[in-house]
Amino acid sequence: MAESISRAERGRQNMRVTLAGAGTNVVLFFIKLAGGILGHSDALVADAVHSLSDLLSDLGLVFAMRFSSQPPDQEHPYGHERFETLAALATGTLLAINGAGIGYEAVQRLIIGHYGMPDFWTLYIAAFAIAAKETLYQITIRVAQRTRSAALRVNAWDHRTDAISSVIVFIGIGGSLLGAPYLDSVVALIVALMVLRIGLVTGWEAVQELADRGLGDEALAHIRDVILGCEGVRDLHMLKTRKIGHQALAEVHLQVTPTLSVSEGHQIAERVRTTLLRQVDDLADATIHIDSENDAEGGVLLSPRSDIEAVVRERLQTLDLPAEEQMTLHYLRGGMVICLRYALPSSATFASLQETETQIQEALRGHVPGLQEVDVVWCLAESQFLSSGAP
């Protein structure tokens, strides 16, 4: 199981590495932009715009992390994790727009045939950018894995993509210097397509999370195995999950023995919930429903207890019965089983008890909606137990 990190520590680590990335992107943006303009490299200017989009996404991520690290409150009972998702969506949108714009400009230059000849020293800027962004990627991805931040993971891969784009820029500038001036614009187009793809993928992933996309098949199978391994669980159905930032929520219906007490069913549910939170990474909470049978397709709504009690008392009032001690209702298979508990009469015989049970069943049959069975339980009164000398 992954290392557990407190919400506050997670927020601090994410914030530190994001601010470091933002500072680096500020430096890279101005160096690339100035170098591209003064050194006549369209590819380097395009790469500068990529760094600007990285900077803006860093600032959006800082804003989101400031809110997402806050604990749940009355207005946000599930926490503020989706501020990170919103930041990822904004970042993806911005990247897609920038990529499309850069690509359009590159295509225009290729069509017109207007190529610039970059200066040799622009190669040093591209090399510096490669080293800086790859270092940022390595640092950021480690923190993202440790804190399980989806937005930070996206940001890390954005650093890696920027490093790759700078490699392509380096190749493009070198090719132009070697006699292929159009190569600089071709590289600018390639970088633009990379930025566009990252933006679309990032934005789509964020939209999917905002639309409550569930966990993958592997995670669902693990959750199912954990649940079925808990004592008292006969089966499960209607397992649902959804992502909220780096965390997940689960909801499931458990089938238990139909005649269990409510308190025992609750204990099984609590045991399953505790086990899930302990054994499933990133699971923030689980809602457990206890069922006596599979109700995935909806059950039959039968009469409430008050109506059943009224019918039973009315139908049995003419019979010579001892005082009723307890009535238990079991709603099973779309019908109902009534269990009546009486004190055993001191003068009762086996034959008289059978006759009484038959009278009860005949009195109730056809008069209680959904009735499938009537069970009568005879209990010894306390005075009827033989003394064993025990206190």
Protein backbone atom coordinates (compact mmCIF):
# COMPACT_ATOMS: atom_id res chain seq x y z
CA MET A 1 0.00 0.00 0.00
CA ALA A 2 1.21 3.50 -0.85
CA GLU A 3 2.66 5.74 1.85
CA SER A 4 0.01 7.80 3.62
CA ILE A 5 0.52 11.59 3.62
CA SER A 6 -1.55 14.10 5.55
CA ARG A 7 -3.66 16.58 3.62
CA ALA A 8 -1.54 19.52 4.85
CA GLU A 9 1.80 17.87 3.99
CA ARG A 10 0.47 16.84 0.59
CA GLY A 11 -0.51 20.44 -0.09
CA ARG A 12 2.90 21.77 1.00
CA GLN A 13 4.86 19.35 -1.21
CA ASN A 14 2.66 20.03 -4.23
CA MET A 15 2.91 23.79 -3.71
CA ARG A 16 6.72 23.81 -3.41
CA VAL A 17 7.35 21.88 -6.61
CA THR A 18 4.72 23.87 -8.52
CA LEU A 19 6.26 27.20 -7.47
CA ALA A 20 9.68 25.89 -8.51
CA GLY A 21 8.25 25.01 -11.92
CA ALA A 22 6.61 28.42 -12.24
CA GLY A 23 9.88 30.22 -11.49
CA THR A 24 11.74 28.11 -14.06
CA ASN A 25 9.08 28.76 -16.70
CA VAL A 26 9.34 32.53 -16.15
CA VAL A 27 13.07 32.39 -16.85
CA LEU A 28 12.67 30.07 -19.85
CA PHE A 29 9.88 32.15 -21.39
CA PHE A 30 11.92 35.36 -21.48
CA ILE A 31 15.13 33.62 -22.59
CA LYS A 32 13.38 31.69 -25.40
CA LEU A 33 11.33 34.68 -26.55
CA ALA A 34 14.31 37.05 -26.63
CA GLY A 35 16.53 34.41 -28.20
CA GLY A 36 13.92 33.51 -30.81
CA ILE A 37 13.33 37.12 -31.83
CA LEU A 38 16.95 38.27 -31.75
CA GLY A 39 18.26 34.97 -33.13
CA HIS A 40 15.59 34.71 -35.90
CA SER A 41 14.24 31.30 -34.80
CA ASP A 42 10.50 30.72 -35.28
CA ALA A 43 10.78 27.36 -33.51
CA LEU A 44 12.30 28.99 -30.43
CA VAL A 45 9.50 31.59 -30.35
CA ALA A 46 6.95 28.75 -30.55
CA ASP A 47 8.75 27.02 -27.70
CA ALA A 48 8.60 30.27 -25.70
CA VAL A 49 4.81 30.29 -26.08
CA HIS A 50 4.80 26.71 -24.82
CA SER A 51 6.73 27.87 -21.74
CA LEU A 52 4.23 30.70 -21.26
CA SER A 53 1.36 28.23 -21.28
CA ASP A 54 3.30 26.16 -18.73
CA LEU A 55 3.66 29.23 -16.55
CA LEU A 56 -0.03 30.05 -16.71
CA SER A 57 -0.94 26.45 -15.90
CA ASP A 58 1.46 26.57 -12.93
CA LEU A 59 -0.27 29.67 -11.61
CA GLY A 60 -3.67 28.03 -12.06
CA LEU A 61 -2.39 24.95 -10.27
CA VAL A 62 -1.12 27.06 -7.36
CA PHE A 63 -4.58 28.61 -7.06
CA ALA A 64 -6.27 25.21 -7.21
CA MET A 65 -3.93 23.61 -4.67
CA ARG A 66 -4.55 26.41 -2.21
CA PHE A 67 -8.20 25.35 -2.17
CA SER A 68 -7.92 21.60 -2.76
CA SER A 69 -5.73 21.09 0.32
CA GLN A 70 -8.45 22.46 2.61
CA PRO A 71 -10.39 19.90 4.69
CA PRO A 72 -14.09 19.16 3.97
CA ASP A 73 -16.62 21.66 5.28
CA GLN A 74 -20.40 22.02 5.37
CA GLU A 75 -20.60 23.35 1.80
CA HIS A 76 -18.06 20.84 0.46
CA PRO A 77 -18.63 17.63 2.47
CA TYR A 78 -16.48 15.60 0.06
CA GLY A 79 -13.58 18.04 0.23
CA HIS A 80 -12.15 20.46 -2.35
CA GLU A 81 -10.18 18.02 -4.50
CA ARG A 82 -12.00 18.95 -7.68
CA PHE A 83 -10.34 22.35 -7.73
CA GLU A 84 -7.34 20.38 -9.04
CA THR A 85 -9.56 18.87 -11.72
CA LEU A 86 -10.74 22.33 -12.75
CA ALA A 87 -7.10 23.45 -12.92
CA ALA A 88 -6.30 20.48 -15.17
CA LEU A 89 -9.25 21.38 -17.42
CA ALA A 90 -8.12 25.02 -17.65
CA THR A 91 -4.55 23.93 -18.39
CA GLY A 92 -5.69 21.55 -21.11
CA THR A 93 -7.86 24.19 -22.74
CA LEU A 94 -5.05 26.73 -22.70
CA LEU A 95 -2.56 24.26 -24.18
CA ALA A 96 -4.96 23.30 -26.97
CA ILE A 97 -5.58 26.95 -27.91
CA ASN A 98 -1.87 27.79 -27.89
CA GLY A 99 -1.00 24.68 -29.89
CA ALA A 100 -3.58 25.54 -32.54
CA GLY A 101 -2.30 29.11 -32.80
CA ILE A 102 1.35 28.12 -33.09
CA GLY A 103 0.51 25.47 -35.68
CA TYR A 104 -1.47 27.95 -37.77
CA GLU A 105 1.45 30.39 -37.86
CA ALA A 106 3.89 27.62 -38.81
CA VAL A 107 1.67 26.42 -41.66
CA GLN A 108 1.33 29.98 -42.94
CA ARG A 109 5.13 30.39 -43.06
CA LEU A 110 5.53 27.06 -44.87
CA ILE A 111 2.89 28.01 -47.45
CA ILE A 112 4.31 31.47 -48.07
CA GLY A 113 7.88 30.15 -48.09
CA HIS A 114 9.18 32.80 -45.70
CA TYR A 115 11.94 31.14 -43.68
CA GLY A 116 14.28 32.76 -41.23
CA MET A 117 17.88 31.69 -40.66
CA PRO A 118 18.48 31.26 -36.92
CA ASP A 119 21.77 32.30 -35.36
CA PHE A 120 24.12 29.64 -34.06
CA TRP A 121 23.93 30.76 -30.42
CA THR A 122 20.21 29.90 -30.26
CA LEU A 123 21.34 26.27 -29.98
CA TYR A 124 22.66 27.03 -26.48
CA ILE A 125 19.25 28.34 -25.41
CA ALA A 126 17.56 25.18 -26.67
CA ALA A 127 20.12 23.00 -24.85
CA PHE A 128 19.62 24.92 -21.60
CA ALA A 129 15.84 24.52 -21.92
CA ILE A 130 16.19 20.76 -22.44
CA ALA A 131 18.25 20.35 -19.27
CA ALA A 132 16.01 22.61 -17.17
CA LYS A 133 12.70 21.01 -18.20
CA GLU A 134 13.94 17.41 -17.87
CA THR A 135 15.17 18.21 -14.35
CA LEU A 136 11.78 19.72 -13.53
CA TYR A 137 10.03 16.63 -14.87
CA GLN A 138 12.07 14.26 -12.69
CA ILE A 139 11.42 16.29 -9.54
CA THR A 140 7.73 16.90 -10.24
CA ILE A 141 6.81 13.33 -11.19
CA ARG A 142 8.35 12.00 -7.97
CA VAL A 143 6.28 14.40 -5.88
CA ALA A 144 3.15 13.63 -7.93
CA GLN A 145 3.58 9.90 -7.31
CA ARG A 146 4.15 10.48 -3.61
CA THR A 147 1.13 12.76 -3.16
CA ARG A 148 -1.04 11.03 -5.82
CA SER A 149 -1.94 14.37 -7.43
CA ALA A 150 -3.47 13.98 -10.89
CA ALA A 151 -3.04 17.67 -11.69
CA LEU A 152 0.62 17.60 -10.64
CA ARG A 153 1.19 14.45 -12.71
CA VAL A 154 -0.22 16.30 -15.74
CA ASN A 155 2.09 19.20 -14.95
CA ALA A 156 5.08 16.84 -14.76
CA TRP A 157 4.33 15.38 -18.18
CA ASP A 158 3.93 18.91 -19.49
CA HIS A 159 7.54 19.54 -18.35
CA ARG A 160 8.65 16.36 -20.14
CA THR A 161 6.81 17.40 -23.30
CA ASP A 162 8.43 20.83 -23.14
CA ALA A 163 11.82 19.13 -22.85
CA ILE A 164 11.05 16.96 -25.89
CA SER A 165 9.84 19.98 -27.84
CA SER A 166 13.10 21.76 -27.00
CA VAL A 167 15.00 18.73 -28.35
CA ILE A 168 13.03 19.05 -31.57
CA VAL A 169 13.75 22.80 -31.63
CA PHE A 170 17.46 22.04 -31.18
CA ILE A 171 17.33 19.66 -34.15
CA GLY A 172 15.36 22.17 -36.22
CA ILE A 173 17.79 25.01 -35.56
CA GLY A 174 20.71 22.73 -36.32
CA GLY A 175 19.09 21.61 -39.57
CA SER A 176 18.47 25.20 -40.63
CA LEU A 177 22.10 26.10 -39.94
CA LEU A 178 23.16 23.13 -42.08
CA GLY A 179 21.25 24.38 -45.12
CA ALA A 180 17.58 23.46 -44.59
CA PRO A 181 15.96 26.77 -43.53
CA TYR A 182 12.41 25.39 -43.81
CA LEU A 183 13.21 22.89 -41.04
CA ASP A 184 12.78 25.56 -38.35
CA SER A 185 9.13 26.11 -39.37
CA VAL A 186 8.52 22.36 -39.69
CA VAL A 187 9.77 21.90 -36.14
CA ALA A 188 7.51 24.73 -34.97
CA LEU A 189 4.55 22.85 -36.49
CA ILE A 190 5.58 19.58 -34.79
CA VAL A 191 5.84 21.33 -31.43
CA ALA A 192 2.43 22.90 -32.00
CA LEU A 193 0.85 19.51 -32.69
CA MET A 194 2.43 18.10 -29.53
CA VAL A 195 1.05 20.97 -27.46
CA LEU A 196 -2.38 20.58 -29.06
CA ARG A 197 -2.49 16.85 -28.33
CA ILE A 198 -1.48 17.29 -24.69
CA GLY A 199 -4.12 19.97 -24.26
CA LEU A 200 -6.89 17.84 -25.73
CA VAL A 201 -5.95 14.73 -23.72
CA THR A 202 -5.60 16.70 -20.48
CA GLY A 203 -8.89 18.51 -20.99
CA TRP A 204 -10.75 15.31 -21.87
CA GLU A 205 -9.45 13.51 -18.77
CA ALA A 206 -10.60 16.41 -16.60
CA VAL A 207 -14.04 16.44 -18.24
CA GLN A 208 -14.36 12.69 -17.63
CA GLU A 209 -13.57 13.16 -13.95
CA LEU A 210 -16.04 16.04 -13.61
CA ALA A 211 -18.63 13.73 -15.21
CA ASP A 212 -18.01 11.21 -12.37
CA ARG A 213 -16.19 8.57 -14.39
CA GLY A 214 -15.64 5.48 -12.26
CA LEU A 215 -12.43 3.60 -11.52
CA GLY A 216 -10.96 1.16 -14.02
CA ASP A 217 -11.66 -2.57 -14.23
CA GLU A 218 -8.54 -3.51 -12.28
CA ALA A 219 -9.44 -1.25 -9.34
CA LEU A 220 -13.05 -2.50 -9.35
CA ALA A 221 -11.87 -6.11 -9.32
CA HIS A 222 -9.62 -5.37 -6.34
CA ILE A 223 -12.49 -3.72 -4.43
CA ARG A 224 -14.75 -6.69 -5.20
CA ASP A 225 -12.13 -9.16 -3.94
CA VAL A 226 -11.64 -7.21 -0.72
CA ILE A 227 -15.39 -7.11 -0.03
CA LEU A 228 -16.01 -10.79 -0.77
CA GLY A 229 -13.14 -11.66 1.56
CA CYS A 230 -14.97 -10.13 4.54
CA GLU A 231 -16.86 -12.43 6.89
CA GLY A 232 -20.65 -12.31 6.60
CA VAL A 233 -20.79 -11.10 2.97
CA ARG A 234 -22.62 -13.55 0.68
CA ASP A 235 -22.46 -11.45 -2.50
CA LEU A 236 -22.45 -7.87 -3.74
CA HIS A 237 -24.12 -5.81 -6.45
CA MET A 238 -24.47 -2.21 -7.67
CA LEU A 239 -20.79 -1.39 -7.05
CA LYS A 240 -20.21 2.24 -8.07
CA THR A 241 -17.14 4.45 -7.84
CA ARG A 242 -16.14 7.97 -8.80
CA LYS A 243 -12.99 10.05 -8.71
CA ILE A 244 -12.60 13.29 -6.79
CA GLY A 245 -9.14 14.68 -7.43
CA HIS A 246 -6.56 12.10 -6.36
CA GLN A 247 -9.12 10.27 -4.21
CA ALA A 248 -12.05 7.97 -4.96
CA LEU A 249 -15.44 7.22 -3.42
CA ALA A 250 -17.24 3.87 -3.54
CA GLU A 251 -20.82 2.74 -3.01
CA VAL A 252 -21.92 -0.89 -2.88
CA HIS A 253 -24.84 -3.10 -1.89
CA LEU A 254 -23.96 -6.21 0.14
CA GLN A 255 -26.05 -9.34 0.42
CA VAL A 256 -26.06 -10.95 3.86
CA THR A 257 -28.06 -13.75 5.48
CA PRO A 258 -31.69 -12.52 5.31
CA THR A 259 -32.54 -13.32 8.94
CA LEU A 260 -29.65 -11.41 10.53
CA SER A 261 -30.46 -8.71 13.04
CA VAL A 262 -30.15 -5.08 11.98
CA SER A 263 -27.26 -4.57 14.38
CA GLU A 264 -25.31 -7.54 13.00
CA GLY A 265 -25.87 -6.31 9.45
CA HIS A 266 -24.55 -2.90 10.51
CA GLN A 267 -21.46 -4.52 12.02
CA ILE A 268 -20.77 -6.33 8.74
CA ALA A 269 -21.10 -3.04 6.85
CA GLU A 270 -18.69 -1.26 9.20
CA ARG A 271 -16.20 -4.12 8.95
CA VAL A 272 -16.32 -4.00 5.15
CA ARG A 273 -15.94 -0.21 5.09
CA THR A 274 -12.95 -0.26 7.44
CA THR A 275 -11.28 -3.03 5.43
CA LEU A 276 -11.79 -1.16 2.15
CA LEU A 277 -10.28 2.06 3.49
CA ARG A 278 -7.29 0.12 4.78
CA GLN A 279 -6.61 -2.03 1.72
CA VAL A 280 -7.63 0.15 -1.27
CA ASP A 281 -5.25 3.00 -2.10
CA ASP A 282 -6.74 6.48 -2.52
CA LEU A 283 -10.21 5.39 -1.36
CA ALA A 284 -11.48 8.28 0.77
CA ASP A 285 -14.83 6.80 1.81
CA ALA A 286 -17.25 3.97 1.09
CA THR A 287 -21.03 3.87 1.50
CA ILE A 288 -22.30 0.38 2.31
CA HIS A 289 -25.91 -0.75 1.87
CA ILE A 290 -27.02 -4.02 3.48
CA ASP A 291 -29.51 -6.12 1.49
CA SER A 292 -31.13 -9.48 2.12
CA GLU A 293 -31.19 -10.21 -1.62
CA ASN A 294 -30.15 -8.76 -4.96
CA ASP A 295 -32.31 -5.69 -5.52
CA ALA A 296 -30.34 -4.32 -8.47
CA GLU A 297 -33.45 -4.32 -10.68
CA GLY A 298 -35.64 -2.80 -7.98
CA GLY A 299 -37.78 -4.54 -5.40
CA VAL A 300 -41.53 -4.76 -4.78
CA LEU A 301 -42.73 -2.11 -2.35
CA LEU A 302 -44.92 -3.88 0.23
CA SER A 303 -47.07 -2.54 3.05
CA PRO A 304 -45.30 -0.91 6.02
CA ARG A 305 -45.15 -2.55 9.44
CA SER A 306 -48.00 -0.51 10.95
CA ASP A 307 -50.44 -1.77 8.29
CA ILE A 308 -49.27 -5.38 8.70
CA GLU A 309 -49.62 -5.24 12.48
CA ALA A 310 -53.17 -3.89 12.20
CA VAL A 311 -54.23 -6.69 9.83
CA VAL A 312 -52.57 -9.42 11.94
CA ARG A 313 -54.18 -8.25 15.18
CA GLU A 314 -57.58 -7.95 13.54
CA ARG A 315 -57.40 -11.42 11.98
CA LEU A 316 -56.08 -13.14 15.12
CA GLN A 317 -58.24 -11.46 17.76
CA THR A 318 -60.86 -14.24 17.61
CA LEU A 319 -58.27 -16.95 18.32
CA ASP A 320 -57.40 -18.05 21.83
CA LEU A 321 -53.73 -17.07 21.80
CA PRO A 322 -51.28 -16.08 24.52
CA ALA A 323 -49.95 -12.53 24.51
CA GLU A 324 -47.76 -11.84 21.51
CA GLU A 325 -44.15 -11.27 22.51
CA GLN A 326 -42.68 -10.23 19.18
CA MET A 327 -43.52 -9.90 15.49
CA THR A 328 -40.66 -9.98 12.98
CA LEU A 329 -41.15 -9.21 9.29
CA HIS A 330 -38.79 -10.54 6.61
CA TYR A 331 -39.19 -8.98 3.15
CA LEU A 332 -37.79 -11.63 0.81
CA ARG A 333 -38.09 -12.52 -2.90
CA GLY A 334 -40.72 -9.85 -3.50
CA GLY A 335 -42.89 -11.17 -0.68
CA MET A 336 -43.11 -11.33 3.08
CA VAL A 337 -42.49 -13.85 5.85
CA ILE A 338 -44.11 -13.11 9.22
CA CYS A 339 -42.50 -14.61 12.31
CA LEU A 340 -44.74 -14.54 15.42
CA ARG A 341 -43.27 -15.27 18.84
CA TYR A 342 -45.50 -16.46 21.70
CA ALA A 343 -44.94 -17.72 25.23
CA LEU A 344 -45.49 -21.47 25.40
CA PRO A 345 -48.69 -22.28 27.35
CA SER A 346 -47.97 -24.53 30.32
CA SER A 347 -50.75 -26.94 29.33
CA ALA A 348 -49.83 -27.09 25.63
CA THR A 349 -49.33 -30.33 23.79
CA PHE A 350 -47.61 -30.94 20.48
CA ALA A 351 -50.97 -31.52 18.79
CA SER A 352 -52.52 -28.36 20.24
CA LEU A 353 -49.54 -26.28 19.12
CA GLN A 354 -49.81 -27.63 15.58
CA GLU A 355 -53.53 -26.87 15.51
CA THR A 356 -52.94 -23.32 16.73
CA GLU A 357 -50.26 -22.72 14.09
CA THR A 358 -52.64 -23.97 11.38
CA GLN A 359 -55.37 -21.60 12.62
CA ILE A 360 -52.96 -18.65 12.54
CA GLN A 361 -51.81 -19.42 9.01
CA GLU A 362 -55.37 -19.84 7.72
CA ALA A 363 -56.48 -16.61 9.41
CA LEU A 364 -53.71 -14.58 7.73
CA ARG A 365 -53.52 -16.27 4.33
CA GLY A 366 -55.01 -14.06 1.62
CA HIS A 367 -55.40 -11.06 3.91
CA VAL A 368 -51.80 -9.81 4.15
CA PRO A 369 -50.48 -8.48 0.79
CA GLY A 370 -47.43 -10.39 -0.41
CA LEU A 371 -47.57 -12.95 2.40
CA GLN A 372 -45.53 -16.06 1.56
CA GLU A 373 -45.16 -17.79 4.89
CA VAL A 374 -46.06 -17.55 8.58
CA ASP A 375 -43.63 -18.93 11.16
CA VAL A 376 -44.77 -19.40 14.75
CA VAL A 377 -42.14 -19.66 17.47
CA TRP A 378 -43.05 -20.92 20.94
CA CYS A 379 -40.78 -19.75 23.74
CA LEU A 380 -40.52 -21.12 27.25
CA ALA A 381 -41.44 -18.65 29.94
CA GLU A 382 -38.73 -17.96 32.51
CA SER A 383 -40.66 -19.88 35.20
CA GLN A 384 -40.76 -22.97 32.96
CA PHE A 385 -36.98 -23.46 32.95
CA LEU A 386 -35.67 -26.08 35.34
CA SER A 387 -33.42 -24.63 38.00
CA SER A 388 -29.81 -25.63 37.54
CA GLY A 389 -28.51 -23.88 40.63
CA ALA A 390 -26.85 -21.18 38.54
CA PRO A 391 -27.48 -17.56 39.54
